Protein backbone atom coordinates (compact mmCIF):
# COMPACT_ATOMS: atom_id res chain seq x y z
CA MET A 1 -51.51 6.14 -46.23
CA LYS A 2 -52.79 9.61 -47.52
CA LYS A 3 -50.62 11.49 -49.51
CA LEU A 4 -48.96 15.07 -48.56
CA TYR A 5 -47.68 17.49 -51.24
CA LEU A 6 -45.63 20.25 -49.77
CA ARG A 7 -44.37 23.51 -51.43
CA THR A 8 -42.09 25.72 -49.66
CA PHE A 9 -40.83 29.20 -50.30
CA GLY A 10 -38.41 31.46 -48.42
CA CYS A 11 -35.38 30.87 -46.46
CA GLN A 12 -33.87 27.84 -44.91
CA MET A 13 -35.77 28.26 -41.71
CA ASN A 14 -38.69 27.60 -43.89
CA VAL A 15 -37.29 24.53 -45.43
CA ALA A 16 -36.71 23.18 -41.83
CA ASP A 17 -39.96 24.25 -40.71
CA SER A 18 -41.46 21.75 -43.86
CA GLU A 19 -39.57 19.05 -42.72
CA LEU A 20 -41.20 19.24 -39.40
CA MET A 21 -44.43 19.50 -41.15
CA ALA A 22 -44.02 16.22 -42.88
CA GLN A 23 -42.68 14.73 -39.77
CA VAL A 24 -45.47 15.62 -37.41
CA LEU A 25 -47.94 14.51 -40.05
CA ALA A 26 -46.07 11.13 -40.70
CA GLY A 27 -48.44 9.11 -38.95
CA GLU A 28 -51.14 9.92 -41.56
CA TYR A 29 -49.75 11.28 -44.57
CA VAL A 30 -46.70 9.98 -46.72
CA LEU A 31 -44.88 12.65 -48.93
CA THR A 32 -45.67 12.65 -52.48
CA GLN A 33 -44.02 14.72 -55.49
CA GLN A 34 -46.94 14.70 -57.67
CA ALA A 35 -49.61 17.45 -56.71
CA GLU A 36 -52.40 15.89 -58.44
CA GLU A 37 -52.44 12.80 -56.53
CA ALA A 38 -52.09 14.73 -52.81
CA ASP A 39 -54.86 14.34 -50.42
CA LEU A 40 -53.21 17.40 -48.39
CA TYR A 41 -51.33 20.02 -50.03
CA LEU A 42 -49.52 22.60 -47.77
CA ILE A 43 -47.76 25.85 -48.95
CA ASN A 44 -45.03 27.10 -46.57
CA THR A 45 -45.00 30.79 -47.12
CA CYS A 46 -42.53 33.68 -47.04
CA ALA A 47 -43.13 37.44 -46.36
CA ILE A 48 -39.96 38.96 -46.31
CA ARG A 49 -40.71 40.63 -49.60
CA ARG A 50 -43.76 41.54 -51.41
CA LYS A 51 -42.65 39.41 -54.50
CA ALA A 52 -42.52 36.18 -52.51
CA GLU A 53 -46.14 37.05 -51.19
CA GLU A 54 -47.24 37.59 -54.81
CA LYS A 55 -45.88 34.10 -55.56
CA VAL A 56 -48.19 32.41 -53.02
CA LEU A 57 -51.13 34.47 -53.91
CA SER A 58 -50.58 33.21 -57.43
CA LEU A 59 -49.92 29.78 -56.69
CA LEU A 60 -53.13 29.81 -54.49
CA GLY A 61 -55.27 31.20 -57.57
CA SER A 62 -53.92 28.54 -59.91
CA LEU A 63 -55.02 25.72 -57.53
CA LYS A 64 -58.86 26.38 -58.09
CA GLY A 65 -58.73 23.78 -60.43
CA LEU A 66 -57.19 21.21 -58.81
CA LYS A 67 -59.41 21.80 -55.73
CA LYS A 68 -62.36 21.48 -58.22
CA ARG A 69 -61.04 18.21 -59.79
CA ARG A 70 -60.27 16.87 -56.20
CA PRO A 71 -62.92 18.32 -53.96
CA GLN A 72 -61.61 16.00 -51.17
CA LEU A 73 -58.31 17.73 -51.19
CA ILE A 74 -57.46 19.81 -47.86
CA LEU A 75 -55.43 22.77 -49.17
CA GLY A 76 -53.69 24.78 -46.37
CA VAL A 77 -51.51 27.55 -46.11
CA GLY A 78 -48.65 27.95 -43.32
CA GLY A 79 -45.73 30.21 -42.42
CA CYS A 80 -45.17 33.69 -42.50
CA VAL A 81 -47.83 34.91 -45.05
CA ALA A 82 -50.23 32.91 -43.16
CA GLN A 83 -49.21 34.53 -39.75
CA GLN A 84 -49.22 38.00 -41.31
CA GLU A 85 -52.73 37.56 -43.20
CA GLY A 86 -54.77 35.04 -41.14
CA GLU A 87 -58.15 34.98 -41.83
CA ARG A 88 -57.93 37.42 -44.82
CA LEU A 89 -56.37 34.67 -46.70
CA LEU A 90 -59.82 32.79 -46.74
CA ALA A 91 -61.40 35.75 -48.33
CA VAL A 92 -58.79 35.88 -51.01
CA ALA A 93 -58.92 31.87 -51.77
CA PRO A 94 -62.54 30.79 -50.90
CA HIS A 95 -61.04 27.19 -51.92
CA LEU A 96 -58.77 27.41 -49.02
CA ASP A 97 -59.15 24.84 -46.04
CA LEU A 98 -56.65 25.88 -43.63
CA VAL A 99 -54.40 28.86 -42.32
CA PHE A 100 -51.79 28.11 -40.04
CA GLY A 101 -49.04 30.60 -38.64
CA THR A 102 -45.42 29.86 -37.97
CA HIS A 103 -46.37 28.83 -34.21
CA GLY A 104 -49.08 26.26 -35.52
CA ILE A 105 -46.62 23.65 -36.82
CA TYR A 106 -47.04 21.44 -34.02
CA ARG A 107 -50.75 21.44 -33.81
CA LEU A 108 -50.96 20.33 -37.53
CA PRO A 109 -52.69 16.96 -37.32
CA GLN A 110 -55.39 18.35 -35.25
CA MET A 111 -56.05 21.09 -37.54
CA VAL A 112 -56.07 18.98 -40.82
CA ARG A 113 -58.45 16.64 -39.00
CA ALA A 114 -60.64 19.29 -38.27
CA ALA A 115 -60.43 20.76 -42.11
CA ALA A 116 -61.14 17.12 -43.45
CA ALA A 117 -64.48 17.20 -41.42
CA GLY A 118 -65.40 20.38 -43.11
CA ARG A 119 -64.45 23.09 -40.76
CA ARG A 120 -62.15 26.21 -42.19
CA VAL A 121 -59.48 26.31 -39.90
CA VAL A 122 -57.51 29.58 -39.11
CA GLU A 123 -54.82 29.34 -36.14
CA VAL A 124 -52.31 32.27 -36.19
CA ASP A 125 -51.49 32.88 -32.58
CA LEU A 126 -48.06 34.17 -31.53
CA LYS A 127 -47.60 32.57 -27.89
CA PRO A 128 -44.61 33.39 -25.88
CA GLY A 129 -42.61 29.94 -25.01
CA LEU A 130 -41.48 27.42 -27.48
CA PRO A 131 -43.83 24.93 -28.40
CA PRO A 132 -43.36 21.20 -27.61
CA TRP A 133 -40.56 20.15 -30.40
CA PRO A 134 -40.95 16.62 -31.74
CA GLN A 135 -37.90 14.56 -31.88
CA ARG A 136 -36.59 14.66 -35.26
CA GLN A 137 -36.59 11.63 -37.62
CA TRP A 138 -33.77 11.61 -40.01
CA PRO A 139 -33.71 9.49 -43.16
CA PRO A 140 -31.12 6.47 -43.27
CA LYS A 141 -27.78 7.82 -44.43
CA PRO A 142 -28.60 11.62 -44.47
CA VAL A 143 -26.28 13.93 -45.82
CA LYS A 144 -27.01 17.25 -44.17
CA ALA A 145 -29.38 18.72 -41.44
CA LEU A 146 -30.85 22.04 -40.69
CA VAL A 147 -31.16 22.19 -36.95
CA THR A 148 -33.34 25.33 -35.79
CA ILE A 149 -31.54 26.37 -32.45
CA MET A 150 -33.87 29.47 -31.75
CA LYS A 151 -36.76 31.31 -33.04
CA GLY A 152 -37.86 34.97 -33.49
CA CYS A 153 -35.95 38.29 -33.65
CA ASP A 154 -35.95 41.14 -31.19
CA ASN A 155 -34.03 43.55 -33.72
CA PHE A 156 -36.89 45.38 -35.44
CA CYS A 157 -34.90 46.63 -38.30
CA SER A 158 -37.25 49.20 -39.76
CA PHE A 159 -37.92 47.11 -43.20
CA CYS A 160 -38.04 43.83 -41.73
CA VAL A 161 -41.49 41.82 -40.83
CA VAL A 162 -39.75 38.83 -39.46
CA PRO A 163 -40.68 40.08 -35.63
CA HIS A 164 -44.24 40.55 -36.41
CA VAL A 165 -44.65 37.14 -37.99
CA ARG A 166 -41.93 35.10 -36.18
CA GLY A 167 -42.35 36.55 -32.79
CA ARG A 168 -39.59 37.48 -30.18
CA GLU A 169 -36.32 35.74 -29.51
CA GLU A 170 -36.34 32.45 -27.93
CA SER A 171 -33.67 29.86 -27.73
CA ARG A 172 -33.67 25.91 -27.63
CA PRO A 173 -31.95 24.49 -24.87
CA PRO A 174 -28.47 23.48 -25.80
CA SER A 175 -29.16 19.80 -24.65
CA VAL A 176 -32.06 19.29 -27.02
CA ILE A 177 -29.87 20.79 -29.88
CA THR A 178 -27.05 18.50 -29.16
CA ALA A 179 -29.24 15.16 -28.66
CA GLU A 180 -30.91 15.99 -32.11
CA ILE A 181 -27.60 16.23 -33.72
CA ALA A 182 -26.19 13.13 -32.05
CA ASP A 183 -29.26 10.99 -33.57
CA PHE A 184 -28.23 12.96 -37.14
CA LEU A 185 -24.78 11.83 -36.68
CA ALA A 186 -25.84 8.26 -35.47
CA ALA A 187 -27.78 7.88 -38.76
CA GLY A 188 -24.57 8.69 -40.74
CA GLY A 189 -24.98 12.53 -41.28
CA LYS A 190 -21.89 14.68 -42.31
CA GLU A 191 -22.92 18.44 -42.01
CA VAL A 192 -25.27 20.41 -39.70
CA THR A 193 -26.55 23.83 -40.20
CA LEU A 194 -27.61 25.69 -36.89
CA LEU A 195 -30.65 28.14 -38.06
CA GLY A 196 -32.06 31.18 -36.31
CA GLN A 197 -32.99 34.71 -37.21
CA ASN A 198 -30.06 35.74 -35.51
CA VAL A 199 -27.91 33.02 -34.09
CA ASN A 200 -25.41 35.65 -32.57
CA SER A 201 -27.87 36.22 -29.75
CA TYR A 202 -28.41 32.49 -28.97
CA GLY A 203 -28.68 31.68 -25.31
CA ARG A 204 -30.25 34.76 -24.03
CA GLY A 205 -32.98 34.02 -21.47
CA LEU A 206 -31.90 30.41 -21.10
CA PRO A 207 -31.53 29.38 -17.29
CA GLU A 208 -28.16 28.03 -18.37
CA PRO A 209 -25.71 30.57 -19.01
CA ILE A 210 -24.32 29.88 -22.60
CA THR A 211 -23.30 32.24 -25.58
CA PHE A 212 -23.38 31.09 -29.37
CA PRO A 213 -19.93 30.50 -29.69
CA ASP A 214 -19.95 28.00 -26.48
CA LEU A 215 -22.83 26.17 -28.48
CA LEU A 216 -20.44 25.98 -31.40
CA ARG A 217 -17.87 24.39 -29.21
CA ARG A 218 -20.12 21.69 -27.79
CA VAL A 219 -21.40 20.74 -31.52
CA SER A 220 -17.73 21.08 -32.95
CA ALA A 221 -16.51 18.50 -30.23
CA MET A 222 -19.47 15.77 -31.39
CA GLU A 223 -17.86 12.64 -32.87
CA GLY A 224 -18.67 12.00 -36.44
CA LEU A 225 -19.36 15.55 -37.21
CA ALA A 226 -17.59 16.33 -40.65
CA ARG A 227 -18.78 19.97 -41.33
CA LEU A 228 -20.71 22.70 -39.17
CA ARG A 229 -21.98 25.90 -40.48
CA PHE A 230 -24.71 28.57 -39.27
CA ALA A 231 -27.10 31.19 -40.53
CA THR A 232 -27.96 33.94 -40.12
CA SER A 233 -25.80 36.42 -38.04
CA HIS A 234 -26.55 40.08 -37.40
CA PRO A 235 -23.40 41.91 -37.91
CA ARG A 236 -23.91 44.05 -34.52
CA ASP A 237 -23.39 40.93 -32.45
CA LEU A 238 -20.58 39.19 -34.22
CA SER A 239 -18.28 39.33 -31.24
CA ALA A 240 -14.45 38.58 -31.17
CA ASP A 241 -15.12 35.23 -29.56
CA LEU A 242 -17.43 34.18 -32.40
CA ILE A 243 -14.93 35.28 -34.92
CA SER A 244 -12.15 33.28 -33.20
CA THR A 245 -14.19 30.20 -33.67
CA PHE A 246 -13.30 30.01 -37.19
CA LEU A 247 -9.75 29.46 -36.31
CA ASP A 248 -10.15 27.26 -33.42
CA LEU A 249 -13.00 24.67 -34.52
CA PRO A 250 -11.72 22.45 -37.48
CA PRO A 251 -15.65 21.30 -38.34
CA LEU A 252 -16.73 25.00 -38.70
CA CYS A 253 -16.47 25.60 -42.50
CA GLU A 254 -14.82 28.88 -43.81
CA HIS A 255 -17.84 30.40 -44.79
CA LEU A 256 -20.14 33.41 -43.06
CA HIS A 257 -23.13 35.03 -44.39
CA LEU A 258 -23.01 38.40 -42.87
CA PRO A 259 -26.03 40.50 -44.10
CA VAL A 260 -25.05 44.24 -44.41
CA GLN A 261 -28.08 45.62 -46.28
CA SER A 262 -26.46 49.13 -47.07
CA GLY A 263 -23.28 50.67 -47.44
CA SER A 264 -24.54 54.06 -46.39
CA ASN A 265 -24.51 55.18 -42.78
CA ARG A 266 -27.53 57.24 -43.55
CA ILE A 267 -29.46 54.65 -44.75
CA LEU A 268 -28.27 52.10 -42.14
CA LYS A 269 -29.49 54.46 -39.25
CA ALA A 270 -32.82 54.65 -41.14
CA MET A 271 -32.97 50.75 -41.27
CA ASN A 272 -32.20 50.85 -37.38
CA ARG A 273 -29.39 48.29 -38.14
CA GLY A 274 -27.30 49.16 -35.09
CA TYR A 275 -23.99 49.55 -36.72
CA THR A 276 -21.75 51.97 -39.15
CA ARG A 277 -20.27 50.90 -42.50
CA GLU A 278 -16.75 51.37 -40.77
CA GLN A 279 -17.86 48.74 -37.88
CA TYR A 280 -18.98 46.49 -40.60
CA LEU A 281 -15.39 46.61 -42.94
CA GLU A 282 -13.60 46.28 -39.35
CA LYS A 283 -15.29 43.13 -38.84
CA VAL A 284 -15.03 41.78 -42.34
CA ALA A 285 -11.29 42.58 -42.00
CA ARG A 286 -10.94 40.63 -38.62
CA LEU A 287 -12.96 37.76 -39.83
CA ARG A 288 -10.36 37.58 -42.83
CA GLN A 289 -7.53 37.86 -40.63
CA SER A 290 -8.52 34.96 -38.50
CA CYS A 291 -9.53 32.90 -41.26
CA PRO A 292 -7.81 34.05 -44.66
CA GLY A 293 -9.81 31.52 -46.70
CA ILE A 294 -13.29 32.55 -45.46
CA HIS A 295 -16.06 33.14 -48.10
CA ILE A 296 -18.33 36.11 -46.94
CA SER A 297 -21.69 36.19 -48.41
CA THR A 298 -24.19 39.08 -47.82
CA ASP A 299 -27.59 40.58 -48.36
CA LEU A 300 -28.47 43.87 -49.76
CA ILE A 301 -31.38 46.06 -50.42
CA VAL A 302 -31.38 48.65 -53.09
CA GLY A 303 -34.01 51.76 -53.02
CA PHE A 304 -34.67 51.97 -49.65
CA PRO A 305 -37.06 55.31 -48.97
CA SER A 306 -34.92 58.35 -49.74
CA GLU A 307 -32.02 56.39 -51.01
CA THR A 308 -29.77 58.64 -52.99
CA GLU A 309 -27.40 58.07 -55.77
CA ALA A 310 -24.61 59.08 -53.44
CA ASP A 311 -25.96 56.38 -50.74
CA PHE A 312 -26.09 53.90 -53.62
CA ALA A 313 -22.60 54.63 -54.52
CA HIS A 314 -21.72 54.01 -50.79
CA THR A 315 -23.17 50.47 -51.23
CA LEU A 316 -21.14 49.78 -54.40
CA ASP A 317 -17.92 51.05 -52.40
CA LEU A 318 -18.36 49.04 -49.71
CA MET A 319 -18.94 45.78 -51.85
CA ALA A 320 -15.75 46.41 -53.36
CA LYS A 321 -13.93 47.26 -49.93
CA ALA A 322 -15.37 43.99 -48.35
CA ALA A 323 -14.77 41.83 -51.75
CA PHE A 324 -18.10 39.84 -50.97
CA ASP A 325 -17.92 36.43 -52.60
CA GLN A 326 -21.73 36.42 -52.94
CA ALA A 327 -24.49 38.54 -52.47
CA PHE A 328 -28.30 38.14 -52.25
CA SER A 329 -29.86 41.38 -53.30
CA PHE A 330 -33.33 42.82 -53.68
CA LYS A 331 -35.17 46.08 -54.36
CA TYR A 332 -36.56 47.38 -51.20
CA SER A 333 -40.27 46.13 -50.66
CA PRO A 334 -42.82 48.00 -48.13
CA ARG A 335 -43.90 45.30 -45.72
CA PRO A 336 -47.13 45.37 -43.32
CA GLN A 337 -46.49 46.57 -39.83
CA THR A 338 -42.88 47.85 -40.57
CA ARG A 339 -41.84 51.33 -39.86
CA ALA A 340 -39.98 51.84 -43.41
CA ALA A 341 -43.45 51.16 -44.72
CA THR A 342 -44.46 54.80 -43.65
CA LEU A 343 -41.44 56.58 -44.48
CA PRO A 344 -41.79 59.38 -46.93
CA ASP A 345 -39.92 59.33 -50.25
CA GLN A 346 -40.48 55.80 -51.34
CA LEU A 347 -38.65 55.59 -54.59
CA PRO A 348 -39.89 54.58 -58.17
CA GLU A 349 -39.91 50.92 -59.23
CA VAL A 350 -37.78 51.82 -62.07
CA VAL A 351 -35.04 53.58 -60.02
CA LYS A 352 -34.86 50.64 -57.70
CA ALA A 353 -34.67 48.08 -60.76
CA GLU A 354 -32.06 50.19 -62.50
CA ARG A 355 -29.77 50.15 -59.46
CA LEU A 356 -30.49 46.61 -58.56
CA ALA A 357 -28.99 45.88 -62.13
CA ARG A 358 -26.21 47.61 -61.53
CA LEU A 359 -25.22 46.45 -58.15
CA GLN A 360 -25.89 42.78 -59.70
CA ALA A 361 -23.58 43.34 -62.32
CA ARG A 362 -20.76 44.57 -60.19
CA GLN A 363 -21.43 41.60 -57.90
CA ASP A 364 -21.21 39.20 -60.70
CA GLU A 365 -17.54 40.52 -61.37
CA LEU A 366 -16.65 40.03 -57.80
CA THR A 367 -17.85 36.46 -57.80
CA ILE A 368 -16.40 35.46 -61.11
CA LYS A 369 -12.67 36.88 -59.69
CA ALA A 370 -13.36 34.98 -56.56
CA HIS A 371 -14.45 31.66 -58.53
CA GLY A 372 -11.43 32.37 -60.81
CA ARG A 373 -8.73 32.13 -57.99
CA LEU A 374 -9.90 28.58 -57.13
CA VAL A 375 -9.32 27.16 -60.80
CA GLY A 376 -6.53 24.83 -60.69
CA GLN A 377 -7.04 23.86 -57.17
CA THR A 378 -8.50 20.66 -55.59
CA GLN A 379 -10.68 20.93 -52.83
CA GLU A 380 -13.02 18.79 -50.53
CA VAL A 381 -16.49 18.55 -52.05
CA LEU A 382 -19.62 17.05 -50.06
CA VAL A 383 -21.57 15.36 -52.48
CA GLU A 384 -25.05 16.15 -52.08
CA GLY A 385 -26.76 14.58 -54.98
CA LEU A 386 -27.25 14.96 -59.02
CA SER A 387 -26.88 18.22 -60.83
CA LYS A 388 -30.21 20.13 -61.48
CA ARG A 389 -29.35 21.45 -64.91
CA ALA A 390 -27.20 18.30 -65.78
CA PRO A 391 -28.37 15.20 -64.40
CA GLU A 392 -25.68 13.10 -65.61
CA GLN A 393 -23.07 14.92 -63.36
CA LEU A 394 -22.82 15.42 -59.42
CA CYS A 395 -23.24 18.45 -57.41
CA GLY A 396 -21.99 19.19 -54.08
CA ARG A 397 -20.29 22.03 -52.00
CA LEU A 398 -16.87 23.35 -51.06
CA ARG A 399 -16.53 23.99 -47.21
CA THR A 400 -16.74 27.67 -48.39
CA ASN A 401 -20.20 26.93 -49.50
CA ARG A 402 -19.43 27.39 -53.26
CA VAL A 403 -21.51 24.96 -55.57
CA VAL A 404 -19.34 22.50 -57.57
CA ASN A 405 -20.72 20.28 -60.76
CA PHE A 406 -18.49 17.58 -61.83
CA PRO A 407 -18.53 13.94 -63.57
CA GLY A 408 -18.65 10.98 -61.10
CA PRO A 409 -19.99 7.65 -60.21
CA ARG A 410 -23.34 8.03 -58.19
CA HIS A 411 -21.76 6.12 -55.10
CA LEU A 412 -20.05 9.41 -54.10
CA VAL A 413 -23.60 10.79 -53.11
CA GLY A 414 -23.14 11.51 -49.43
CA ARG A 415 -19.43 11.36 -49.16
CA LEU A 416 -16.64 13.52 -48.92
CA ALA A 417 -14.58 13.68 -52.48
CA GLN A 418 -11.57 15.46 -53.68
CA VAL A 419 -12.15 17.47 -56.99
CA HIS A 420 -10.04 19.49 -59.16
CA LEU A 421 -11.45 22.83 -60.02
CA THR A 422 -11.39 23.30 -63.67
CA GLU A 423 -13.89 26.24 -64.75
CA ALA A 424 -15.46 29.21 -62.81
CA HIS A 425 -19.14 30.52 -63.34
CA PRO A 426 -20.92 33.17 -61.69
CA HIS A 427 -22.93 30.82 -59.41
CA SER A 428 -20.82 27.82 -59.47
CA LEU A 429 -17.62 25.92 -60.39
CA LYS A 430 -16.95 22.91 -62.56
CA GLY A 431 -14.25 20.29 -61.65
CA ARG A 432 -13.06 16.78 -62.04
CA TRP A 433 -13.23 14.12 -59.72
CA VAL A 434 -9.87 13.05 -58.24
CA GLU A 435 -10.25 9.09 -57.72
CA ASP A 436 -9.57 7.69 -54.69
CA PRO A 437 -6.23 5.37 -54.64
CA PRO A 438 -6.91 1.64 -54.80
CA THR A 439 -7.25 -0.09 -51.37
CA PRO A 440 -4.08 -2.23 -50.97
């Protein structure tokens, strides 16, 4: 068997896509963790921000030496940057053999064989219609699964390149989704995350009338499912029916990622988000009323074109009112093909950086406060593996998606464990395993 090295940038959708890449190539390639021994090196890319794109280009440049040492190595770039740049990547990186877009995963074996035969391959067609989806192959005793339920986006937020690199919204049939999950659960899996650019609009265009809350109810009823999550939700499409599922469906975890992007109504309108700050805060209040322990995380952009200090103050105010448990925050980055890239009053980088620092400092305060309220409690943790920073400890997540590190025996990996929470930190908690009582 030849060896495949995969480097993934970006979101959970990209992680799921990389898993599919490895699967469709499994007949000829086995995964390796050592880039130096790879026969095929694939980079799955993200184009949502310029910094992510720059990381990819920097990595490509650094691989010239590896390609020189191993001229038989096939080097490929896939995903959103590949979709966006196409043939231009071949000019930027003459040592590159293969460029394939977000809809090209399923034709990878043919493309790789063509590249091995000496052709430089570029395939970035965005064709309507979901491509044939291979049956997922799960490893023995898997812990978590990322299950894609739809692809693409129809929202066209003025700052976002996703509709241009992922295409329009298309949903997978519910029977195909539940069959994939059934195989995962039969293999011993515990937690499923349903993925889409905007899962709230799942079901539109399918011959069988179905909504996203309907799908959640079907999946929640599946035998053996311990935990269910989903990402990502557009606030505009967050319905009362969806909010009620957090109360009604026991496997559905008390966590929702709900990107707000800005707290200024003027900026939200310029972003084409389709809601106001008041509407967003009303939905947050309804979520907390329906599910008092829910953990709400968000995305925030600072420095959008023409953003004033007053607009930024509205964002800080919304953060306090929503009391976010976690926020992923970024400087605005102009993206090709997006309307916001052509807007006047683009802000200087120094202004964006200063605002981002203030915003992140405020969020750290909110997160530490939220984590501090948990210290002293004993909660269920799904143990995912060893801690990256302290390999002598285990790492897992609460139902609310908070990361917990704690000492414990390795046989707990893949299991649900009770952990007494002892310390709060900005990005995680520490705890102590509450040992299972002896079997009589």
